[in-house]
Amino acid sequence: PDDLLIALKFVFGPCALQALDLVDQRSVTCLSSPSGRKAFQVMGGSGCLYTCFVSCHYCLCPAFAYTVLRRNEGLLV
Protein backbone atom coordinates (compact mmCIF):
# COMPACT_ATOMS: atom_id res chain seq x y z
CA PRO A 1 0.00 0.00 0.00
CA ASP A 2 2.85 2.42 0.67
CA ASP A 3 4.08 1.98 -2.90
CA LEU A 4 0.67 3.01 -4.21
CA LEU A 5 0.64 6.14 -2.03
CA ILE A 6 4.13 7.05 -3.20
CA ALA A 7 3.05 6.61 -6.83
CA LEU A 8 -0.05 8.76 -6.32
CA LYS A 9 2.02 11.48 -4.68
CA PHE A 10 4.52 11.34 -7.55
CA VAL A 11 1.79 11.68 -10.20
CA PHE A 12 -0.51 14.16 -8.46
CA GLY A 13 1.90 16.03 -6.22
CA PRO A 14 1.63 16.88 -2.54
CA CYS A 15 -2.13 17.49 -2.67
CA ALA A 16 -2.80 13.78 -3.37
CA LEU A 17 -2.60 12.74 0.28
CA GLN A 18 -4.82 15.63 1.37
CA ALA A 19 -7.39 14.65 -1.26
CA LEU A 20 -7.31 11.02 -0.12
CA ASP A 21 -7.87 12.17 3.48
CA LEU A 22 -11.03 14.00 2.37
CA VAL A 23 -12.27 10.85 0.65
CA ASP A 24 -11.48 8.75 3.75
CA GLN A 25 -13.47 11.21 5.88
CA ARG A 26 -16.42 10.87 3.46
CA SER A 27 -16.23 14.58 2.73
CA VAL A 28 -16.65 14.15 -1.04
CA THR A 29 -20.00 13.71 -2.79
CA CYS A 30 -20.42 13.15 -6.53
CA LEU A 31 -23.32 15.03 -8.11
CA SER A 32 -24.73 13.98 -11.49
CA SER A 33 -27.25 15.74 -13.69
CA PRO A 34 -29.76 13.91 -15.91
CA SER A 35 -27.63 14.95 -18.91
CA GLY A 36 -24.61 13.16 -17.45
CA ARG A 37 -22.61 16.16 -16.23
CA LYS A 38 -20.73 15.62 -13.00
CA ALA A 39 -19.47 17.82 -10.20
CA PHE A 40 -18.12 17.05 -6.76
CA GLN A 41 -19.08 18.73 -3.51
CA VAL A 42 -16.34 18.69 -0.90
CA MET A 43 -16.69 19.58 2.76
CA GLY A 44 -13.43 21.36 3.52
CA GLY A 45 -11.53 21.18 6.78
CA SER A 46 -12.95 24.58 7.72
CA GLY A 47 -16.51 23.26 7.41
CA CYS A 48 -17.19 25.12 4.17
CA LEU A 49 -18.80 23.30 1.26
CA TYR A 50 -17.01 23.66 -2.09
CA THR A 51 -18.08 22.60 -5.56
CA CYS A 52 -15.48 21.19 -7.94
CA PHE A 53 -16.52 21.39 -11.59
CA VAL A 54 -15.15 18.44 -13.57
CA SER A 55 -15.96 19.81 -17.02
CA CYS A 56 -13.83 22.93 -16.59
CA HIS A 57 -11.29 21.64 -14.01
CA TYR A 58 -12.13 24.33 -11.48
CA CYS A 59 -12.86 24.52 -7.75
CA LEU A 60 -13.76 27.47 -5.55
CA CYS A 61 -11.65 26.30 -2.59
CA PRO A 62 -8.60 28.26 -1.38
CA ALA A 63 -6.29 25.28 -1.98
CA PHE A 64 -7.15 25.26 -5.69
CA ALA A 65 -6.73 29.01 -5.95
CA TYR A 66 -3.31 28.87 -4.30
CA THR A 67 -1.89 25.67 -5.79
CA VAL A 68 -3.23 25.85 -9.31
CA LEU A 69 -4.04 29.47 -10.06
CA ARG A 70 -1.25 31.27 -8.19
CA ARG A 71 1.55 28.71 -8.38
CA ASN A 72 0.45 27.08 -11.66
CA GLU A 73 0.87 23.53 -10.32
CA GLY A 74 -1.26 20.59 -9.43
CA LEU A 75 -3.65 20.50 -12.39
CA LEU A 76 -3.58 17.40 -14.55
CA VAL A 77 -5.90 17.42 -17.53
PDB file of N, CA and C in Angstrom:
ATOM      1  N   PRO A   1       0.812  -1.212   0.000  1.00  0.00           N
ATOM      2  CA  PRO A   1       0.000   0.000   0.000  1.00  0.00           C
ATOM      3  C   PRO A   1       0.847   1.264   0.000  1.00  0.00           C
ATOM      4  N   ASP A   2       2.000   1.233   0.655  1.00  0.00           N
ATOM      5  CA  ASP A   2       2.853   2.419   0.671  1.00  0.00           C
ATOM      6  C   ASP A   2       3.358   2.754  -0.725  1.00  0.00           C
ATOM      7  N   ASP A   3       3.626   1.732  -1.537  1.00  0.00           N
ATOM      8  CA  ASP A   3       4.084   1.976  -2.901  1.00  0.00           C
ATOM      9  C   ASP A   3       3.021   2.704  -3.716  1.00  0.00           C
ATOM     10  N   LEU A   4       1.757   2.349  -3.506  1.00  0.00           N
ATOM     11  CA  LEU A   4       0.671   3.015  -4.215  1.00  0.00           C
ATOM     12  C   LEU A   4       0.560   4.475  -3.798  1.00  0.00           C
ATOM     13  N   LEU A   5       0.684   4.751  -2.506  1.00  0.00           N
ATOM     14  CA  LEU A   5       0.635   6.138  -2.032  1.00  0.00           C
ATOM     15  C   LEU A   5       1.798   6.952  -2.582  1.00  0.00           C
ATOM     16  N   ILE A   6       2.962   6.354  -2.647  1.00  0.00           N
ATOM     17  CA  ILE A   6       4.129   7.045  -3.203  1.00  0.00           C
ATOM     18  C   ILE A   6       3.901   7.355  -4.674  1.00  0.00           C
ATOM     19  N   ALA A   7       3.340   6.395  -5.405  1.00  0.00           N
ATOM     20  CA  ALA A   7       3.053   6.607  -6.826  1.00  0.00           C
ATOM     21  C   ALA A   7       2.020   7.710  -7.031  1.00  0.00           C
ATOM     22  N   LEU A   8       0.966   7.709  -6.218  1.00  0.00           N
ATOM     23  CA  LEU A   8      -0.047   8.761  -6.318  1.00  0.00           C
ATOM     24  C   LEU A   8       0.545  10.132  -6.024  1.00  0.00           C
ATOM     25  N   LYS A   9       1.394  10.197  -5.016  1.00  0.00           N
ATOM     26  CA  LYS A   9       2.018  11.478  -4.679  1.00  0.00           C
ATOM     27  C   LYS A   9       2.948  11.939  -5.801  1.00  0.00           C
ATOM     28  N   PHE A  10       3.638  10.998  -6.440  1.00  0.00           N
ATOM     29  CA  PHE A  10       4.521  11.340  -7.555  1.00  0.00           C
ATOM     30  C   PHE A  10       3.721  11.901  -8.726  1.00  0.00           C
ATOM     31  N   VAL A  11       2.597  11.266  -9.046  1.00  0.00           N
ATOM     32  CA  VAL A  11       1.794  11.680 -10.198  1.00  0.00           C
ATOM     33  C   VAL A  11       1.016  12.964  -9.917  1.00  0.00           C
ATOM     34  N   PHE A  12       0.382  13.042  -8.744  1.00  0.00           N
ATOM     35  CA  PHE A  12      -0.513  14.161  -8.459  1.00  0.00           C
ATOM     36  C   PHE A  12       0.079  15.237  -7.568  1.00  0.00           C
ATOM     37  N   GLY A  13       1.267  15.027  -7.055  1.00  0.00           N
ATOM     38  CA  GLY A  13       1.899  16.034  -6.219  1.00  0.00           C
ATOM     39  C   GLY A  13       1.461  15.942  -4.770  1.00  0.00           C
ATOM     40  N   PRO A  14       1.868  16.928  -3.978  1.00  0.00           N
ATOM     41  CA  PRO A  14       1.626  16.875  -2.540  1.00  0.00           C
ATOM     42  C   PRO A  14       0.152  16.933  -2.145  1.00  0.00           C
ATOM     43  N   CYS A  15      -0.708  17.402  -3.032  1.00  0.00           N
ATOM     44  CA  CYS A  15      -2.131  17.491  -2.674  1.00  0.00           C
ATOM     45  C   CYS A  15      -2.826  16.137  -2.715  1.00  0.00           C
ATOM     46  N   ALA A  16      -2.172  15.106  -3.258  1.00  0.00           N
ATOM     47  CA  ALA A  16      -2.802  13.778  -3.374  1.00  0.00           C
ATOM     48  C   ALA A  16      -3.189  13.217  -2.013  1.00  0.00           C
ATOM     49  N   LEU A  17      -2.308  13.304  -1.040  1.00  0.00           N
ATOM     50  CA  LEU A  17      -2.601  12.742   0.283  1.00  0.00           C
ATOM     51  C   LEU A  17      -3.717  13.517   0.975  1.00  0.00           C
ATOM     52  N   GLN A  18      -3.749  14.827   0.785  1.00  0.00           N
ATOM     53  CA  GLN A  18      -4.825  15.631   1.371  1.00  0.00           C
ATOM     54  C   GLN A  18      -6.167  15.264   0.739  1.00  0.00           C
ATOM     55  N   ALA A  19      -6.160  15.032  -0.562  1.00  0.00           N
ATOM     56  CA  ALA A  19      -7.389  14.647  -1.255  1.00  0.00           C
ATOM     57  C   ALA A  19      -7.867  13.277  -0.777  1.00  0.00           C
ATOM     58  N   LEU A  20      -6.941  12.345  -0.616  1.00  0.00           N
ATOM     59  CA  LEU A  20      -7.314  11.020  -0.119  1.00  0.00           C
ATOM     60  C   LEU A  20      -7.867  11.086   1.303  1.00  0.00           C
ATOM     61  N   ASP A  21      -7.329  11.982   2.124  1.00  0.00           N
ATOM     62  CA  ASP A  21      -7.867  12.174   3.479  1.00  0.00           C
ATOM     63  C   ASP A  21      -9.326  12.630   3.428  1.00  0.00           C
ATOM     64  N   LEU A  22      -9.644  13.541   2.507  1.00  0.00           N
ATOM     65  CA  LEU A  22     -11.025  14.004   2.375  1.00  0.00           C
ATOM     66  C   LEU A  22     -11.943  12.867   1.958  1.00  0.00           C
ATOM     67  N   VAL A  23     -11.471  12.004   1.067  1.00  0.00           N
ATOM     68  CA  VAL A  23     -12.265  10.849   0.651  1.00  0.00           C
ATOM     69  C   VAL A  23     -12.457   9.897   1.830  1.00  0.00           C
ATOM     70  N   ASP A  24     -11.391   9.628   2.582  1.00  0.00           N
ATOM     71  CA  ASP A  24     -11.483   8.747   3.747  1.00  0.00           C
ATOM     72  C   ASP A  24     -12.485   9.275   4.790  1.00  0.00           C
ATOM     73  N   GLN A  25     -12.558  10.586   4.908  1.00  0.00           N
ATOM     74  CA  GLN A  25     -13.467  11.207   5.876  1.00  0.00           C
ATOM     75  C   GLN A  25     -14.895  11.324   5.333  1.00  0.00           C
ATOM     76  N   ARG A  26     -15.111  10.802   4.132  1.00  0.00           N
ATOM     77  CA  ARG A  26     -16.417  10.870   3.459  1.00  0.00           C
ATOM     78  C   ARG A  26     -16.874  12.307   3.282  1.00  0.00           C
ATOM     79  N   SER A  27     -15.940  13.166   2.934  1.00  0.00           N
ATOM     80  CA  SER A  27     -16.231  14.582   2.733  1.00  0.00           C
ATOM     81  C   SER A  27     -16.478  14.928   1.274  1.00  0.00           C
ATOM     82  N   VAL A  28     -16.488  13.921   0.396  1.00  0.00           N
ATOM     83  CA  VAL A  28     -16.649  14.146  -1.040  1.00  0.00           C
ATOM     84  C   VAL A  28     -17.929  13.469  -1.522  1.00  0.00           C
ATOM     85  N   THR A  29     -18.764  14.233  -2.225  1.00  0.00           N
ATOM     86  CA  THR A  29     -20.003  13.714  -2.792  1.00  0.00           C
ATOM     87  C   THR A  29     -20.020  14.002  -4.289  1.00  0.00           C
ATOM     88  N   CYS A  30     -20.311  12.975  -5.080  1.00  0.00           N
ATOM     89  CA  CYS A  30     -20.416  13.147  -6.530  1.00  0.00           C
ATOM     90  C   CYS A  30     -21.856  13.509  -6.872  1.00  0.00           C
ATOM     91  N   LEU A  31     -22.008  14.584  -7.645  1.00  0.00           N
ATOM     92  CA  LEU A  31     -23.321  15.028  -8.109  1.00  0.00           C
ATOM     93  C   LEU A  31     -23.412  14.774  -9.610  1.00  0.00           C
ATOM     94  N   SER A  32     -24.528  14.248 -10.063  1.00  0.00           N
ATOM     95  CA  SER A  32     -24.733  13.983 -11.492  1.00  0.00           C
ATOM     96  C   SER A  32     -26.048  14.598 -11.938  1.00  0.00           C
ATOM     97  N   SER A  33     -26.023  15.201 -13.113  1.00  0.00           N
ATOM     98  CA  SER A  33     -27.251  15.742 -13.686  1.00  0.00           C
ATOM     99  C   SER A  33     -27.861  14.694 -14.615  1.00  0.00           C
ATOM    100  N   PRO A  34     -29.132  14.857 -14.980  1.00  0.00           N
ATOM    101  CA  PRO A  34     -29.755  13.915 -15.914  1.00  0.00           C
ATOM    102  C   PRO A  34     -29.025  13.853 -17.263  1.00  0.00           C
ATOM    103  N   SER A  35     -28.351  14.935 -17.628  1.00  0.00           N
ATOM    104  CA  SER A  35     -27.630  14.947 -18.907  1.00  0.00           C
ATOM    105  C   SER A  35     -26.269  14.265 -18.822  1.00  0.00           C
ATOM    106  N   GLY A  36     -25.868  13.863 -17.617  1.00  0.00           N
ATOM    107  CA  GLY A  36     -24.605  13.158 -17.454  1.00  0.00           C
ATOM    108  C   GLY A  36     -23.445  14.018 -16.962  1.00  0.00           C
ATOM    109  N   ARG A  37     -23.675  15.302 -16.769  1.00  0.00           N
ATOM    110  CA  ARG A  37     -22.608  16.164 -16.232  1.00  0.00           C
ATOM    111  C   ARG A  37     -22.353  15.808 -14.779  1.00  0.00           C
ATOM    112  N   LYS A  38     -21.096  15.952 -14.380  1.00  0.00           N
ATOM    113  CA  LYS A  38     -20.730  15.622 -12.998  1.00  0.00           C
ATOM    114  C   LYS A  38     -19.995  16.779 -12.343  1.00  0.00           C
ATOM    115  N   ALA A  39     -20.204  16.876 -11.042  1.00  0.00           N
ATOM    116  CA  ALA A  39     -19.472  17.817 -10.199  1.00  0.00           C
ATOM    117  C   ALA A  39     -19.303  17.120  -8.854  1.00  0.00           C
ATOM    118  N   PHE A  40     -18.356  17.607  -8.082  1.00  0.00           N
ATOM    119  CA  PHE A  40     -18.123  17.049  -6.757  1.00  0.00           C
ATOM    120  C   PHE A  40     -18.301  18.142  -5.723  1.00  0.00           C
ATOM    121  N   GLN A  41     -18.998  17.825  -4.642  1.00  0.00           N
ATOM    122  CA  GLN A  41     -19.076  18.734  -3.509  1.00  0.00           C
ATOM    123  C   GLN A  41     -18.152  18.191  -2.435  1.00  0.00           C
ATOM    124  N   VAL A  42     -17.334  19.089  -1.888  1.00  0.00           N
ATOM    125  CA  VAL A  42     -16.342  18.694  -0.897  1.00  0.00           C
ATOM    126  C   VAL A  42     -16.524  19.554   0.349  1.00  0.00           C
ATOM    127  N   MET A  43     -16.637  18.882   1.476  1.00  0.00           N
ATOM    128  CA  MET A  43     -16.687  19.581   2.756  1.00  0.00           C
ATOM    129  C   MET A  43     -15.247  19.794   3.198  1.00  0.00           C
ATOM    130  N   GLY A  44     -14.810  21.041   3.167  1.00  0.00           N
ATOM    131  CA  GLY A  44     -13.432  21.360   3.519  1.00  0.00           C
ATOM    132  C   GLY A  44     -13.181  21.239   5.011  1.00  0.00           C
ATOM    133  N   GLY A  45     -11.922  21.270   5.376  1.00  0.00           N
ATOM    134  CA  GLY A  45     -11.534  21.178   6.779  1.00  0.00           C
ATOM    135  C   GLY A  45     -12.097  22.301   7.624  1.00  0.00           C
ATOM    136  N   SER A  46     -12.398  23.432   6.996  1.00  0.00           N
ATOM    137  CA  SER A  46     -12.953  24.577   7.717  1.00  0.00           C
ATOM    138  C   SER A  46     -14.460  24.458   7.907  1.00  0.00           C
ATOM    139  N   GLY A  47     -15.063  23.425   7.312  1.00  0.00           N
ATOM    140  CA  GLY A  47     -16.510  23.259   7.408  1.00  0.00           C
ATOM    141  C   GLY A  47     -17.267  23.874   6.252  1.00  0.00           C
ATOM    142  N   CYS A  48     -16.550  24.525   5.341  1.00  0.00           N
ATOM    143  CA  CYS A  48     -17.191  25.124   4.167  1.00  0.00           C
ATOM    144  C   CYS A  48     -17.404  24.060   3.096  1.00  0.00           C
ATOM    145  N   LEU A  49     -18.485  24.211   2.348  1.00  0.00           N
ATOM    146  CA  LEU A  49     -18.803  23.298   1.259  1.00  0.00           C
ATOM    147  C   LEU A  49     -18.347  23.916  -0.053  1.00  0.00           C
ATOM    148  N   TYR A  50     -17.533  23.179  -0.813  1.00  0.00           N
ATOM    149  CA  TYR A  50     -17.006  23.662  -2.086  1.00  0.00           C
ATOM    150  C   TYR A  50     -17.487  22.767  -3.211  1.00  0.00           C
ATOM    151  N   THR A  51     -17.690  23.356  -4.379  1.00  0.00           N
ATOM    152  CA  THR A  51     -18.085  22.595  -5.558  1.00  0.00           C
ATOM    153  C   THR A  51     -16.920  22.578  -6.535  1.00  0.00           C
ATOM    154  N   CYS A  52     -16.552  21.383  -6.956  1.00  0.00           N
ATOM    155  CA  CYS A  52     -15.483  21.194  -7.943  1.00  0.00           C
ATOM    156  C   CYS A  52     -16.127  20.808  -9.267  1.00  0.00           C
ATOM    157  N   PHE A  53     -15.914  21.615 -10.283  1.00  0.00           N
ATOM    158  CA  PHE A  53     -16.517  21.386 -11.586  1.00  0.00           C
ATOM    159  C   PHE A  53     -15.571  20.564 -12.453  1.00  0.00           C
ATOM    160  N   VAL A  54     -15.989  19.355 -12.805  1.00  0.00           N
ATOM    161  CA  VAL A  54     -15.153  18.438 -13.571  1.00  0.00           C
ATOM    162  C   VAL A  54     -14.954  18.936 -14.994  1.00  0.00           C
ATOM    163  N   SER A  55     -16.016  19.443 -15.611  1.00  0.00           N
ATOM    164  CA  SER A  55     -15.959  19.815 -17.024  1.00  0.00           C
ATOM    165  C   SER A  55     -14.972  20.944 -17.310  1.00  0.00           C
ATOM    166  N   CYS A  56     -14.747  21.808 -16.353  1.00  0.00           N
ATOM    167  CA  CYS A  56     -13.828  22.927 -16.591  1.00  0.00           C
ATOM    168  C   CYS A  56     -12.609  22.882 -15.671  1.00  0.00           C
ATOM    169  N   HIS A  57     -12.444  21.799 -14.908  1.00  0.00           N
ATOM    170  CA  HIS A  57     -11.291  21.642 -14.012  1.00  0.00           C
ATOM    171  C   HIS A  57     -11.125  22.861 -13.110  1.00  0.00           C
ATOM    172  N   TYR A  58     -12.162  23.162 -12.346  1.00  0.00           N
ATOM    173  CA  TYR A  58     -12.129  24.334 -11.477  1.00  0.00           C
ATOM    174  C   TYR A  58     -12.810  24.033 -10.146  1.00  0.00           C
ATOM    175  N   CYS A  59     -12.274  24.620  -9.089  1.00  0.00           N
ATOM    176  CA  CYS A  59     -12.858  24.520  -7.754  1.00  0.00           C
ATOM    177  C   CYS A  59     -12.768  25.886  -7.089  1.00  0.00           C
ATOM    178  N   LEU A  60     -13.730  26.181  -6.241  1.00  0.00           N
ATOM    179  CA  LEU A  60     -13.760  27.467  -5.546  1.00  0.00           C
ATOM    180  C   LEU A  60     -12.949  27.492  -4.255  1.00  0.00           C
ATOM    181  N   CYS A  61     -12.349  26.359  -3.876  1.00  0.00           N
ATOM    182  CA  CYS A  61     -11.648  26.298  -2.593  1.00  0.00           C
ATOM    183  C   CYS A  61     -10.323  27.060  -2.623  1.00  0.00           C
ATOM    184  N   PRO A  62      -9.866  27.531  -1.461  1.00  0.00           N
ATOM    185  CA  PRO A  62      -8.601  28.263  -1.383  1.00  0.00           C
ATOM    186  C   PRO A  62      -7.399  27.428  -1.826  1.00  0.00           C
ATOM    187  N   ALA A  63      -7.425  26.131  -1.575  1.00  0.00           N
ATOM    188  CA  ALA A  63      -6.294  25.280  -1.983  1.00  0.00           C
ATOM    189  C   ALA A  63      -6.129  25.286  -3.488  1.00  0.00           C
ATOM    190  N   PHE A  64      -7.221  25.213  -4.227  1.00  0.00           N
ATOM    191  CA  PHE A  64      -7.148  25.256  -5.694  1.00  0.00           C
ATOM    192  C   PHE A  64      -6.627  26.610  -6.150  1.00  0.00           C
ATOM    193  N   ALA A  65      -7.155  27.666  -5.562  1.00  0.00           N
ATOM    194  CA  ALA A  65      -6.729  29.013  -5.948  1.00  0.00           C
ATOM    195  C   ALA A  65      -5.238  29.197  -5.718  1.00  0.00           C
ATOM    196  N   TYR A  66      -4.734  28.700  -4.605  1.00  0.00           N
ATOM    197  CA  TYR A  66      -3.315  28.869  -4.300  1.00  0.00           C
ATOM    198  C   TYR A  66      -2.434  27.945  -5.136  1.00  0.00           C
ATOM    199  N   THR A  67      -2.758  26.654  -5.139  1.00  0.00           N
ATOM    200  CA  THR A  67      -1.889  25.673  -5.788  1.00  0.00           C
ATOM    201  C   THR A  67      -1.929  25.768  -7.301  1.00  0.00           C
ATOM    202  N   VAL A  68      -3.105  25.897  -7.864  1.00  0.00           N
ATOM    203  CA  VAL A  68      -3.232  25.852  -9.315  1.00  0.00           C
ATOM    204  C   VAL A  68      -3.174  27.244  -9.937  1.00  0.00           C
ATOM    205  N   LEU A  69      -3.967  28.160  -9.429  1.00  0.00           N
ATOM    206  CA  LEU A  69      -4.044  29.468 -10.064  1.00  0.00           C
ATOM    207  C   LEU A  69      -2.834  30.360  -9.772  1.00  0.00           C
ATOM    208  N   ARG A  70      -2.372  30.401  -8.532  1.00  0.00           N
ATOM    209  CA  ARG A  70      -1.254  31.273  -8.189  1.00  0.00           C
ATOM    210  C   ARG A  70       0.092  30.648  -8.496  1.00  0.00           C
ATOM    211  N   ARG A  71       0.244  29.352  -8.204  1.00  0.00           N
ATOM    212  CA  ARG A  71       1.550  28.706  -8.380  1.00  0.00           C
ATOM    213  C   ARG A  71       1.638  27.919  -9.676  1.00  0.00           C
ATOM    214  N   ASN A  72       0.492  27.775 -10.373  1.00  0.00           N
ATOM    215  CA  ASN A  72       0.448  27.078 -11.664  1.00  0.00           C
ATOM    216  C   ASN A  72       0.946  25.642 -11.545  1.00  0.00           C
ATOM    217  N   GLU A  73       0.530  24.930 -10.496  1.00  0.00           N
ATOM    218  CA  GLU A  73       0.871  23.528 -10.320  1.00  0.00           C
ATOM    219  C   GLU A  73      -0.386  22.744  -9.973  1.00  0.00           C
ATOM    220  N   GLY A  74      -0.232  21.448  -9.979  1.00  0.00           N
ATOM    221  CA  GLY A  74      -1.263  20.585  -9.431  1.00  0.00           C
ATOM    222  C   GLY A  74      -2.425  20.250 -10.335  1.00  0.00           C
ATOM    223  N   LEU A  75      -2.516  20.800 -11.523  1.00  0.00           N
ATOM    224  CA  LEU A  75      -3.648  20.499 -12.395  1.00  0.00           C
ATOM    225  C   LEU A  75      -3.198  19.543 -13.473  1.00  0.00           C
ATOM    226  N   LEU A  76      -3.826  18.381 -13.499  1.00  0.00           N
ATOM    227  CA  LEU A  76      -3.585  17.404 -14.548  1.00  0.00           C
ATOM    228  C   LEU A  76      -4.849  17.313 -15.376  1.00  0.00           C
ATOM    229  N   VAL A  77      -4.728  17.449 -16.661  1.00  0.00           N
ATOM    230  CA  VAL A  77      -5.903  17.418 -17.528  1.00  0.00           C
ATOM    231  C   VAL A  77      -5.942  16.136 -18.297  1.00  0.00           C
TER     232      VAL A  77
END
